[in-house]
Amino acid sequence: MSSKNWEVVHRVMPFQNAKAPRKIWDEHLDQEAPDVIVVLMGTPVLA
């Protein structure tokens, strides 16, 4: 992505055992303002 002039930002967001979406997830999104999101080992709740 760097070779394509993109910035990659990594953030830890504990979603693995979440039973429902959390407000802090929206806060992460507002703070980072990404163009796309990539999730390592996502879950149905995060989906």
All heavy atoms as atom14 arrays in JSON, in Angstrom:
{
  "sequence": "MSSKNWEVVHRVMPFQNAKAPRKIWDEHLDQEAPDVIVVLMGTPVLA",
  "atom14_mask": [
    [1, 1, 1, 1, 1, 1, 1, 1, 0, 0, 0, 0, 0, 0],
    [1, 1, 1, 1, 1, 1, 0, 0, 0, 0, 0, 0, 0, 0],
    [1, 1, 1, 1, 1, 1, 0, 0, 0, 0, 0, 0, 0, 0],
    [1, 1, 1, 1, 1, 1, 1, 1, 1, 0, 0, 0, 0, 0],
    [1, 1, 1, 1, 1, 1, 1, 1, 0, 0, 0, 0, 0, 0],
    [1, 1, 1, 1, 1, 1, 1, 1, 1, 1, 1, 1, 1, 1],
    [1, 1, 1, 1, 1, 1, 1, 1, 1, 0, 0, 0, 0, 0],
    [1, 1, 1, 1, 1, 1, 1, 0, 0, 0, 0, 0, 0, 0],
    [1, 1, 1, 1, 1, 1, 1, 0, 0, 0, 0, 0, 0, 0],
    [1, 1, 1, 1, 1, 1, 1, 1, 1, 1, 0, 0, 0, 0],
    [1, 1, 1, 1, 1, 1, 1, 1, 1, 1, 1, 0, 0, 0],
    [1, 1, 1, 1, 1, 1, 1, 0, 0, 0, 0, 0, 0, 0],
    [1, 1, 1, 1, 1, 1, 1, 1, 0, 0, 0, 0, 0, 0],
    [1, 1, 1, 1, 1, 1, 1, 0, 0, 0, 0, 0, 0, 0],
    [1, 1, 1, 1, 1, 1, 1, 1, 1, 1, 1, 0, 0, 0],
    [1, 1, 1, 1, 1, 1, 1, 1, 1, 0, 0, 0, 0, 0],
    [1, 1, 1, 1, 1, 1, 1, 1, 0, 0, 0, 0, 0, 0],
    [1, 1, 1, 1, 1, 0, 0, 0, 0, 0, 0, 0, 0, 0],
    [1, 1, 1, 1, 1, 1, 1, 1, 1, 0, 0, 0, 0, 0],
    [1, 1, 1, 1, 1, 0, 0, 0, 0, 0, 0, 0, 0, 0],
    [1, 1, 1, 1, 1, 1, 1, 0, 0, 0, 0, 0, 0, 0],
    [1, 1, 1, 1, 1, 1, 1, 1, 1, 1, 1, 0, 0, 0],
    [1, 1, 1, 1, 1, 1, 1, 1, 1, 0, 0, 0, 0, 0],
    [1, 1, 1, 1, 1, 1, 1, 1, 0, 0, 0, 0, 0, 0],
    [1, 1, 1, 1, 1, 1, 1, 1, 1, 1, 1, 1, 1, 1],
    [1, 1, 1, 1, 1, 1, 1, 1, 0, 0, 0, 0, 0, 0],
    [1, 1, 1, 1, 1, 1, 1, 1, 1, 0, 0, 0, 0, 0],
    [1, 1, 1, 1, 1, 1, 1, 1, 1, 1, 0, 0, 0, 0],
    [1, 1, 1, 1, 1, 1, 1, 1, 0, 0, 0, 0, 0, 0],
    [1, 1, 1, 1, 1, 1, 1, 1, 0, 0, 0, 0, 0, 0],
    [1, 1, 1, 1, 1, 1, 1, 1, 1, 0, 0, 0, 0, 0],
    [1, 1, 1, 1, 1, 1, 1, 1, 1, 0, 0, 0, 0, 0],
    [1, 1, 1, 1, 1, 0, 0, 0, 0, 0, 0, 0, 0, 0],
    [1, 1, 1, 1, 1, 1, 1, 0, 0, 0, 0, 0, 0, 0],
    [1, 1, 1, 1, 1, 1, 1, 1, 0, 0, 0, 0, 0, 0],
    [1, 1, 1, 1, 1, 1, 1, 0, 0, 0, 0, 0, 0, 0],
    [1, 1, 1, 1, 1, 1, 1, 1, 0, 0, 0, 0, 0, 0],
    [1, 1, 1, 1, 1, 1, 1, 0, 0, 0, 0, 0, 0, 0],
    [1, 1, 1, 1, 1, 1, 1, 0, 0, 0, 0, 0, 0, 0],
    [1, 1, 1, 1, 1, 1, 1, 1, 0, 0, 0, 0, 0, 0],
    [1, 1, 1, 1, 1, 1, 1, 1, 0, 0, 0, 0, 0, 0],
    [1, 1, 1, 1, 0, 0, 0, 0, 0, 0, 0, 0, 0, 0],
    [1, 1, 1, 1, 1, 1, 1, 0, 0, 0, 0, 0, 0, 0],
    [1, 1, 1, 1, 1, 1, 1, 0, 0, 0, 0, 0, 0, 0],
    [1, 1, 1, 1, 1, 1, 1, 0, 0, 0, 0, 0, 0, 0],
    [1, 1, 1, 1, 1, 1, 1, 1, 0, 0, 0, 0, 0, 0],
    [1, 1, 1, 1, 1, 0, 0, 0, 0, 0, 0, 0, 0, 0]
  ],
  "atom14_positions": [
    [[0.82, -1.21, 0.0], [0.0, 0.0, 0.0], [0.86, 1.26, 0.0], [0.49, 2.27, -0.6], [-0.95, 0.0, 1.2], [-1.96, -1.15, 1.21], [-2.9, -1.31, -0.33], [-3.85, 0.23, -0.34], [0.0, 0.0, 0.0], [0.0, 0.0, 0.0], [0.0, 0.0, 0.0], [0.0, 0.0, 0.0], [0.0, 0.0, 0.0], [0.0, 0.0, 0.0]],
    [[2.0, 1.22, 0.66], [2.91, 2.37, 0.64], [3.4, 2.66, -0.77], [3.55, 3.82, -1.16], [4.1, 2.13, 1.58], [3.67, 2.02, 2.92], [0.0, 0.0, 0.0], [0.0, 0.0, 0.0], [0.0, 0.0, 0.0], [0.0, 0.0, 0.0], [0.0, 0.0, 0.0], [0.0, 0.0, 0.0], [0.0, 0.0, 0.0], [0.0, 0.0, 0.0]],
    [[3.65, 1.6, -1.53], [4.1, 1.79, -2.9], [3.02, 2.41, -3.78], [3.31, 2.95, -4.85], [4.54, 0.44, -3.5], [3.41, -0.4, -3.74], [0.0, 0.0, 0.0], [0.0, 0.0, 0.0], [0.0, 0.0, 0.0], [0.0, 0.0, 0.0], [0.0, 0.0, 0.0], [0.0, 0.0, 0.0], [0.0, 0.0, 0.0], [0.0, 0.0, 0.0]],
    [[1.78, 2.35, -3.32], [0.65, 2.96, -4.03], [0.24, 4.3, -3.42], [-0.83, 4.83, -3.7], [-0.54, 1.99, -4.04], [-0.24, 0.65, -4.72], [-1.44, -0.26, -4.67], [-1.1, -1.63, -5.28], [-0.74, -1.51, -6.72], [0.0, 0.0, 0.0], [0.0, 0.0, 0.0], [0.0, 0.0, 0.0], [0.0, 0.0, 0.0], [0.0, 0.0, 0.0]],
    [[1.12, 4.82, -2.54], [0.91, 6.11, -1.9], [-0.28, 6.1, -0.93], [-0.95, 7.11, -0.75], [0.73, 7.24, -2.94], [1.0, 8.59, -2.35], [1.99, 8.77, -1.63], [0.15, 9.55, -2.62], [0.0, 0.0, 0.0], [0.0, 0.0, 0.0], [0.0, 0.0, 0.0], [0.0, 0.0, 0.0], [0.0, 0.0, 0.0], [0.0, 0.0, 0.0]],
    [[-0.52, 4.96, -0.31], [-1.56, 4.84, 0.72], [-0.89, 4.81, 2.09], [0.23, 4.32, 2.24], [-2.35, 3.55, 0.53], [-3.44, 3.62, -0.49], [-3.3, 3.88, -1.83], [-4.83, 3.4, -0.27], [-4.51, 3.83, -2.46], [-5.48, 3.53, -1.52], [-5.59, 3.09, 0.85], [-6.85, 3.37, -1.67], [-6.96, 2.92, 0.71], [-7.59, 3.07, -0.53]],
    [[-1.61, 5.31, 3.07], [-1.19, 5.2, 4.46], [-1.94, 4.04, 5.11], [-3.15, 3.89, 4.91], [-1.51, 6.5, 5.2], [-1.17, 6.47, 6.68], [-1.62, 7.73, 7.4], [-2.36, 8.54, 6.8], [-1.25, 7.89, 8.59], [0.0, 0.0, 0.0], [0.0, 0.0, 0.0], [0.0, 0.0, 0.0], [0.0, 0.0, 0.0], [0.0, 0.0, 0.0]],
    [[-1.23, 3.22, 5.88], [-1.86, 2.12, 6.61], [-1.77, 2.41, 8.1], [-0.68, 2.64, 8.63], [-1.18, 0.77, 6.29], [-1.84, -0.36, 7.09], [-1.26, 0.47, 4.8], [0.0, 0.0, 0.0], [0.0, 0.0, 0.0], [0.0, 0.0, 0.0], [0.0, 0.0, 0.0], [0.0, 0.0, 0.0], [0.0, 0.0, 0.0], [0.0, 0.0, 0.0]],
    [[-2.92, 2.4, 8.76], [-2.99, 2.66, 10.2], [-3.52, 1.42, 10.89], [-4.57, 0.89, 10.51], [-3.92, 3.86, 10.5], [-4.0, 4.09, 12.01], [-3.43, 5.11, 9.8], [0.0, 0.0, 0.0], [0.0, 0.0, 0.0], [0.0, 0.0, 0.0], [0.0, 0.0, 0.0], [0.0, 0.0, 0.0], [0.0, 0.0, 0.0], [0.0, 0.0, 0.0]],
    [[-2.79, 0.94, 11.89], [-3.22, -0.24, 12.64], [-3.82, 0.18, 13.97], [-3.24, 1.0, 14.69], [-2.04, -1.18, 12.89], [-2.36, -2.28, 13.86], [-1.66, -2.47, 15.03], [-3.34, -3.22, 13.85], [-2.18, -3.5, 15.68], [-3.19, -3.97, 14.99], [0.0, 0.0, 0.0], [0.0, 0.0, 0.0], [0.0, 0.0, 0.0], [0.0, 0.0, 0.0]],
    [[-4.97, -0.4, 14.31], [-5.59, -0.15, 15.59], [-6.11, -1.47, 16.17], [-6.59, -2.34, 15.44], [-6.77, 0.83, 15.47], [-6.35, 2.25, 15.1], [-5.6, 2.92, 16.22], [-5.16, 4.26, 15.88], [-3.98, 4.57, 15.38], [-3.09, 3.61, 15.19], [-3.66, 5.81, 15.1], [0.0, 0.0, 0.0], [0.0, 0.0, 0.0], [0.0, 0.0, 0.0]],
    [[-5.98, -1.61, 17.48], [-6.52, -2.78, 18.18], [-7.93, -2.44, 18.64], [-8.14, -1.44, 19.34], [-5.65, -3.16, 19.39], [-6.26, -4.34, 20.13], [-4.23, -3.48, 18.93], [0.0, 0.0, 0.0], [0.0, 0.0, 0.0], [0.0, 0.0, 0.0], [0.0, 0.0, 0.0], [0.0, 0.0, 0.0], [0.0, 0.0, 0.0], [0.0, 0.0, 0.0]],
    [[-8.89, -3.26, 18.24], [-10.29, -3.04, 18.6], [-10.87, -4.37, 19.08], [-11.2, -5.22, 18.24], [-11.07, -2.5, 17.39], [-12.38, -1.84, 17.74], [-13.08, -0.96, 16.32], [-13.82, -2.31, 15.4], [0.0, 0.0, 0.0], [0.0, 0.0, 0.0], [0.0, 0.0, 0.0], [0.0, 0.0, 0.0], [0.0, 0.0, 0.0], [0.0, 0.0, 0.0]],
    [[-10.95, -4.62, 20.37], [-11.38, -5.94, 20.87], [-12.8, -6.29, 20.44], [-13.77, -5.88, 21.06], [-11.29, -5.78, 22.4], [-10.37, -4.63, 22.62], [-10.61, -3.7, 21.48], [0.0, 0.0, 0.0], [0.0, 0.0, 0.0], [0.0, 0.0, 0.0], [0.0, 0.0, 0.0], [0.0, 0.0, 0.0], [0.0, 0.0, 0.0], [0.0, 0.0, 0.0]],
    [[-12.89, -7.08, 19.37], [-14.2, -7.45, 18.84], [-14.43, -8.95, 18.87], [-15.54, -9.42, 18.62], [-14.36, -6.96, 17.4], [-13.26, -7.41, 16.46], [-13.25, -8.7, 15.92], [-12.24, -6.55, 16.11], [-12.25, -9.11, 15.07], [-11.22, -6.96, 15.25], [-11.23, -8.23, 14.72], [0.0, 0.0, 0.0], [0.0, 0.0, 0.0], [0.0, 0.0, 0.0]],
    [[-13.4, -9.74, 19.21], [-13.48, -11.18, 19.05], [-14.62, -11.81, 19.85], [-15.31, -12.71, 19.37], [-12.15, -11.83, 19.44], [-11.96, -13.23, 18.9], [-11.97, -13.28, 17.38], [-11.33, -12.48, 16.73], [-12.72, -14.2, 16.81], [0.0, 0.0, 0.0], [0.0, 0.0, 0.0], [0.0, 0.0, 0.0], [0.0, 0.0, 0.0], [0.0, 0.0, 0.0]],
    [[-14.83, -11.34, 21.07], [-15.87, -11.94, 21.91], [-17.09, -11.03, 22.09], [-17.93, -11.28, 22.95], [-15.28, -12.27, 23.29], [-14.16, -13.31, 23.19], [-14.3, -14.31, 22.5], [-13.05, -13.05, 23.88], [0.0, 0.0, 0.0], [0.0, 0.0, 0.0], [0.0, 0.0, 0.0], [0.0, 0.0, 0.0], [0.0, 0.0, 0.0], [0.0, 0.0, 0.0]],
    [[-17.17, -9.99, 21.29], [-18.3, -9.05, 21.4], [-19.59, -9.72, 20.95], [-19.63, -10.42, 19.94], [-18.02, -7.81, 20.57], [0.0, 0.0, 0.0], [0.0, 0.0, 0.0], [0.0, 0.0, 0.0], [0.0, 0.0, 0.0], [0.0, 0.0, 0.0], [0.0, 0.0, 0.0], [0.0, 0.0, 0.0], [0.0, 0.0, 0.0], [0.0, 0.0, 0.0]],
    [[-20.64, -9.5, 21.72], [-21.95, -10.06, 21.39], [-22.8, -9.08, 20.58], [-23.81, -9.46, 19.99], [-22.7, -10.42, 22.68], [-21.95, -11.4, 23.59], [-21.67, -12.73, 22.9], [-20.95, -13.7, 23.83], [-20.6, -14.96, 23.13], [0.0, 0.0, 0.0], [0.0, 0.0, 0.0], [0.0, 0.0, 0.0], [0.0, 0.0, 0.0], [0.0, 0.0, 0.0]],
    [[-22.4, -7.81, 20.57], [-23.13, -6.78, 19.83], [-22.16, -5.66, 19.5], [-21.14, -5.49, 20.18], [-24.3, -6.26, 20.66], [0.0, 0.0, 0.0], [0.0, 0.0, 0.0], [0.0, 0.0, 0.0], [0.0, 0.0, 0.0], [0.0, 0.0, 0.0], [0.0, 0.0, 0.0], [0.0, 0.0, 0.0], [0.0, 0.0, 0.0], [0.0, 0.0, 0.0]],
    [[-22.44, -4.87, 18.45], [-21.57, -3.74, 18.11], [-21.45, -2.77, 19.29], [-22.4, -2.59, 20.05], [-22.28, -3.09, 16.92], [-23.06, -4.21, 16.29], [-23.52, -5.05, 17.45], [0.0, 0.0, 0.0], [0.0, 0.0, 0.0], [0.0, 0.0, 0.0], [0.0, 0.0, 0.0], [0.0, 0.0, 0.0], [0.0, 0.0, 0.0], [0.0, 0.0, 0.0]],
    [[-20.29, -2.13, 19.42], [-20.03, -1.23, 20.53], [-19.82, 0.2, 20.03], [-19.32, 0.42, 18.92], [-18.8, -1.71, 21.32], [-18.99, -3.07, 21.93], [-17.72, -3.59, 22.58], [-17.92, -4.91, 23.17], [-16.96, -5.65, 23.71], [-15.71, -5.18, 23.71], [-17.21, -6.83, 24.22], [0.0, 0.0, 0.0], [0.0, 0.0, 0.0], [0.0, 0.0, 0.0]],
    [[-20.16, 1.14, 20.88], [-20.06, 2.55, 20.52], [-18.63, 2.95, 20.19], [-18.39, 3.78, 19.31], [-20.6, 3.41, 21.67], [-20.64, 4.9, 21.35], [-21.23, 5.68, 22.5], [-21.26, 7.17, 22.18], [-21.84, 7.95, 23.3], [0.0, 0.0, 0.0], [0.0, 0.0, 0.0], [0.0, 0.0, 0.0], [0.0, 0.0, 0.0], [0.0, 0.0, 0.0]],
    [[-17.66, 2.36, 20.89], [-16.27, 2.72, 20.67], [-15.81, 2.38, 19.25], [-14.88, 2.99, 18.72], [-15.35, 2.03, 21.71], [-13.97, 2.68, 21.7], [-15.26, 0.52, 21.44], [-13.07, 2.21, 22.81], [0.0, 0.0, 0.0], [0.0, 0.0, 0.0], [0.0, 0.0, 0.0], [0.0, 0.0, 0.0], [0.0, 0.0, 0.0], [0.0, 0.0, 0.0]],
    [[-16.48, 1.42, 18.61], [-16.14, 1.11, 17.23], [-16.42, 2.31, 16.33], [-15.63, 2.64, 15.45], [-16.93, -0.11, 16.74], [-16.64, -1.36, 17.5], [-15.74, -1.52, 18.51], [-17.27, -2.64, 17.32], [-15.76, -2.81, 18.97], [-16.69, -3.53, 18.27], [-18.25, -3.12, 16.47], [-17.07, -4.86, 18.36], [-18.64, -4.45, 16.56], [-18.05, -5.31, 17.5]],
    [[-17.54, 2.98, 16.56], [-17.86, 4.19, 15.8], [-16.85, 5.29, 16.08], [-16.48, 6.06, 15.19], [-19.27, 4.68, 16.14], [-20.35, 3.69, 15.73], [-20.18, 3.04, 14.68], [-21.34, 3.56, 16.47], [0.0, 0.0, 0.0], [0.0, 0.0, 0.0], [0.0, 0.0, 0.0], [0.0, 0.0, 0.0], [0.0, 0.0, 0.0], [0.0, 0.0, 0.0]],
    [[-16.38, 5.35, 17.32], [-15.41, 6.38, 17.68], [-14.09, 6.16, 16.95], [-13.45, 7.11, 16.51], [-15.2, 6.39, 19.2], [-16.44, 6.81, 19.99], [-16.26, 6.65, 21.49], [-15.17, 6.21, 21.91], [-17.22, 6.95, 22.23], [0.0, 0.0, 0.0], [0.0, 0.0, 0.0], [0.0, 0.0, 0.0], [0.0, 0.0, 0.0], [0.0, 0.0, 0.0]],
    [[-13.67, 4.89, 16.85], [-12.47, 4.56, 16.09], [-12.61, 5.05, 14.65], [-11.69, 5.63, 14.07], [-12.22, 3.06, 16.09], [-11.44, 2.56, 17.26], [-10.12, 2.89, 17.46], [-11.79, 1.75, 18.29], [-9.69, 2.3, 18.57], [-10.69, 1.61, 19.09], [0.0, 0.0, 0.0], [0.0, 0.0, 0.0], [0.0, 0.0, 0.0], [0.0, 0.0, 0.0]],
    [[-13.77, 4.81, 14.07], [-14.02, 5.17, 12.68], [-13.96, 6.69, 12.5], [-13.37, 7.2, 11.55], [-15.38, 4.62, 12.24], [-15.62, 4.49, 10.73], [-14.58, 3.58, 10.11], [-17.03, 3.96, 10.48], [0.0, 0.0, 0.0], [0.0, 0.0, 0.0], [0.0, 0.0, 0.0], [0.0, 0.0, 0.0], [0.0, 0.0, 0.0], [0.0, 0.0, 0.0]],
    [[-14.57, 7.41, 13.42], [-14.57, 8.87, 13.34], [-13.17, 9.44, 13.5], [-12.78, 10.4, 12.82], [-15.5, 9.46, 14.42], [-16.96, 9.14, 14.17], [-17.3, 8.83, 13.01], [-17.75, 9.17, 15.13], [0.0, 0.0, 0.0], [0.0, 0.0, 0.0], [0.0, 0.0, 0.0], [0.0, 0.0, 0.0], [0.0, 0.0, 0.0], [0.0, 0.0, 0.0]],
    [[-12.38, 8.85, 14.4], [-11.04, 9.36, 14.67], [-10.1, 9.14, 13.49], [-9.3, 10.01, 13.15], [-10.46, 8.69, 15.91], [-11.13, 9.11, 17.21], [-10.68, 8.26, 18.39], [-9.84, 7.38, 18.24], [-11.24, 8.53, 19.56], [0.0, 0.0, 0.0], [0.0, 0.0, 0.0], [0.0, 0.0, 0.0], [0.0, 0.0, 0.0], [0.0, 0.0, 0.0]],
    [[-10.19, 7.97, 12.86], [-9.23, 7.62, 11.8], [-9.67, 8.08, 10.42], [-8.83, 8.28, 9.54], [-8.98, 6.11, 11.8], [-8.47, 5.56, 13.11], [-7.18, 6.21, 13.57], [-6.46, 6.78, 12.73], [-6.89, 6.17, 14.78], [0.0, 0.0, 0.0], [0.0, 0.0, 0.0], [0.0, 0.0, 0.0], [0.0, 0.0, 0.0], [0.0, 0.0, 0.0]],
    [[-10.97, 8.2, 10.18], [-11.51, 8.63, 8.88], [-10.86, 7.87, 7.72], [-10.28, 8.47, 6.81], [-11.32, 10.13, 8.71], [0.0, 0.0, 0.0], [0.0, 0.0, 0.0], [0.0, 0.0, 0.0], [0.0, 0.0, 0.0], [0.0, 0.0, 0.0], [0.0, 0.0, 0.0], [0.0, 0.0, 0.0], [0.0, 0.0, 0.0], [0.0, 0.0, 0.0]],
    [[-10.94, 6.53, 7.72], [-10.28, 5.75, 6.67], [-11.07, 5.74, 5.38], [-12.28, 6.01, 5.35], [-10.23, 4.35, 7.28], [-11.48, 4.28, 8.11], [-11.65, 5.67, 8.69], [0.0, 0.0, 0.0], [0.0, 0.0, 0.0], [0.0, 0.0, 0.0], [0.0, 0.0, 0.0], [0.0, 0.0, 0.0], [0.0, 0.0, 0.0], [0.0, 0.0, 0.0]],
    [[-10.38, 5.43, 4.28], [-11.06, 5.22, 3.0], [-11.57, 3.79, 2.89], [-12.6, 3.54, 2.26], [-10.09, 5.51, 1.85], [-9.71, 6.98, 1.79], [-10.46, 7.76, 1.19], [-8.67, 7.34, 2.38], [0.0, 0.0, 0.0], [0.0, 0.0, 0.0], [0.0, 0.0, 0.0], [0.0, 0.0, 0.0], [0.0, 0.0, 0.0], [0.0, 0.0, 0.0]],
    [[-10.84, 2.85, 3.48], [-11.26, 1.44, 3.52], [-10.83, 0.85, 4.85], [-9.94, 1.38, 5.52], [-10.67, 0.61, 2.36], [-11.12, 1.13, 1.01], [-9.15, 0.58, 2.45], [0.0, 0.0, 0.0], [0.0, 0.0, 0.0], [0.0, 0.0, 0.0], [0.0, 0.0, 0.0], [0.0, 0.0, 0.0], [0.0, 0.0, 0.0], [0.0, 0.0, 0.0]],
    [[-11.46, -0.26, 5.22], [-11.12, -0.98, 6.46], [-10.8, -2.42, 6.1], [-11.52, -3.05, 5.31], [-12.29, -0.96, 7.47], [-12.64, 0.48, 7.85], [-11.94, -1.77, 8.72], [-13.9, 0.58, 8.71], [0.0, 0.0, 0.0], [0.0, 0.0, 0.0], [0.0, 0.0, 0.0], [0.0, 0.0, 0.0], [0.0, 0.0, 0.0], [0.0, 0.0, 0.0]],
    [[-9.72, -2.94, 6.68], [-9.38, -4.36, 6.54], [-9.33, -4.94, 7.95], [-8.66, -4.38, 8.84], [-8.03, -4.56, 5.83], [-7.64, -6.04, 5.83], [-8.1, -4.04, 4.4], [0.0, 0.0, 0.0], [0.0, 0.0, 0.0], [0.0, 0.0, 0.0], [0.0, 0.0, 0.0], [0.0, 0.0, 0.0], [0.0, 0.0, 0.0], [0.0, 0.0, 0.0]],
    [[-10.02, -6.05, 8.18], [-10.13, -6.65, 9.5], [-9.47, -8.02, 9.47], [-9.8, -8.87, 8.64], [-11.6, -6.8, 9.93], [-11.68, -7.39, 11.33], [-12.32, -5.46, 9.88], [0.0, 0.0, 0.0], [0.0, 0.0, 0.0], [0.0, 0.0, 0.0], [0.0, 0.0, 0.0], [0.0, 0.0, 0.0], [0.0, 0.0, 0.0], [0.0, 0.0, 0.0]],
    [[-8.55, -8.24, 10.39], [-7.92, -9.55, 10.51], [-8.82, -10.46, 11.35], [-9.13, -10.15, 12.5], [-6.54, -9.43, 11.17], [-5.79, -10.74, 11.42], [-5.49, -11.44, 10.1], [-4.5, -10.49, 12.18], [0.0, 0.0, 0.0], [0.0, 0.0, 0.0], [0.0, 0.0, 0.0], [0.0, 0.0, 0.0], [0.0, 0.0, 0.0], [0.0, 0.0, 0.0]],
    [[-9.25, -11.57, 10.77], [-10.08, -12.57, 11.44], [-11.35, -11.93, 12.02], [-11.59, -11.94, 13.23], [-9.28, -13.28, 12.53], [-8.06, -14.01, 12.04], [-8.42, -15.23, 10.73], [-9.41, -16.42, 11.63], [0.0, 0.0, 0.0], [0.0, 0.0, 0.0], [0.0, 0.0, 0.0], [0.0, 0.0, 0.0], [0.0, 0.0, 0.0], [0.0, 0.0, 0.0]],
    [[-12.15, -11.37, 11.13], [-13.39, -10.72, 11.55], [-14.45, -11.7, 12.02], [-14.35, -12.91, 11.82], [0.0, 0.0, 0.0], [0.0, 0.0, 0.0], [0.0, 0.0, 0.0], [0.0, 0.0, 0.0], [0.0, 0.0, 0.0], [0.0, 0.0, 0.0], [0.0, 0.0, 0.0], [0.0, 0.0, 0.0], [0.0, 0.0, 0.0], [0.0, 0.0, 0.0]],
    [[-15.48, -11.17, 12.67], [-16.56, -11.98, 13.22], [-17.91, -11.51, 12.65], [-18.01, -10.38, 12.14], [-16.6, -11.84, 14.75], [-16.93, -10.47, 15.08], [-15.25, -12.2, 15.37], [0.0, 0.0, 0.0], [0.0, 0.0, 0.0], [0.0, 0.0, 0.0], [0.0, 0.0, 0.0], [0.0, 0.0, 0.0], [0.0, 0.0, 0.0], [0.0, 0.0, 0.0]],
    [[-18.95, -12.35, 12.75], [-20.27, -11.93, 12.27], [-20.78, -10.65, 12.94], [-21.45, -9.84, 12.3], [-21.15, -13.14, 12.6], [-20.22, -14.31, 12.57], [-18.93, -13.78, 13.12], [0.0, 0.0, 0.0], [0.0, 0.0, 0.0], [0.0, 0.0, 0.0], [0.0, 0.0, 0.0], [0.0, 0.0, 0.0], [0.0, 0.0, 0.0], [0.0, 0.0, 0.0]],
    [[-20.46, -10.46, 14.23], [-20.91, -9.26, 14.93], [-20.24, -8.02, 14.33], [-20.89, -6.99, 14.1], [-20.61, -9.35, 16.44], [-20.89, -8.02, 17.14], [-21.44, -10.46, 17.08], [0.0, 0.0, 0.0], [0.0, 0.0, 0.0], [0.0, 0.0, 0.0], [0.0, 0.0, 0.0], [0.0, 0.0, 0.0], [0.0, 0.0, 0.0], [0.0, 0.0, 0.0]],
    [[-18.94, -8.12, 14.07], [-18.25, -6.99, 13.46], [-18.75, -6.76, 12.03], [-18.85, -5.62, 11.56], [-16.75, -7.22, 13.46], [-15.9, -6.02, 13.04], [-16.04, -4.89, 14.05], [-14.44, -6.4, 12.89], [0.0, 0.0, 0.0], [0.0, 0.0, 0.0], [0.0, 0.0, 0.0], [0.0, 0.0, 0.0], [0.0, 0.0, 0.0], [0.0, 0.0, 0.0]],
    [[-19.07, -7.85, 11.33], [-19.61, -7.73, 9.97], [-20.94, -6.99, 9.99], [-21.22, -6.16, 9.11], [-19.77, -9.12, 9.35], [0.0, 0.0, 0.0], [0.0, 0.0, 0.0], [0.0, 0.0, 0.0], [0.0, 0.0, 0.0], [0.0, 0.0, 0.0], [0.0, 0.0, 0.0], [0.0, 0.0, 0.0], [0.0, 0.0, 0.0], [0.0, 0.0, 0.0]]
  ]
}
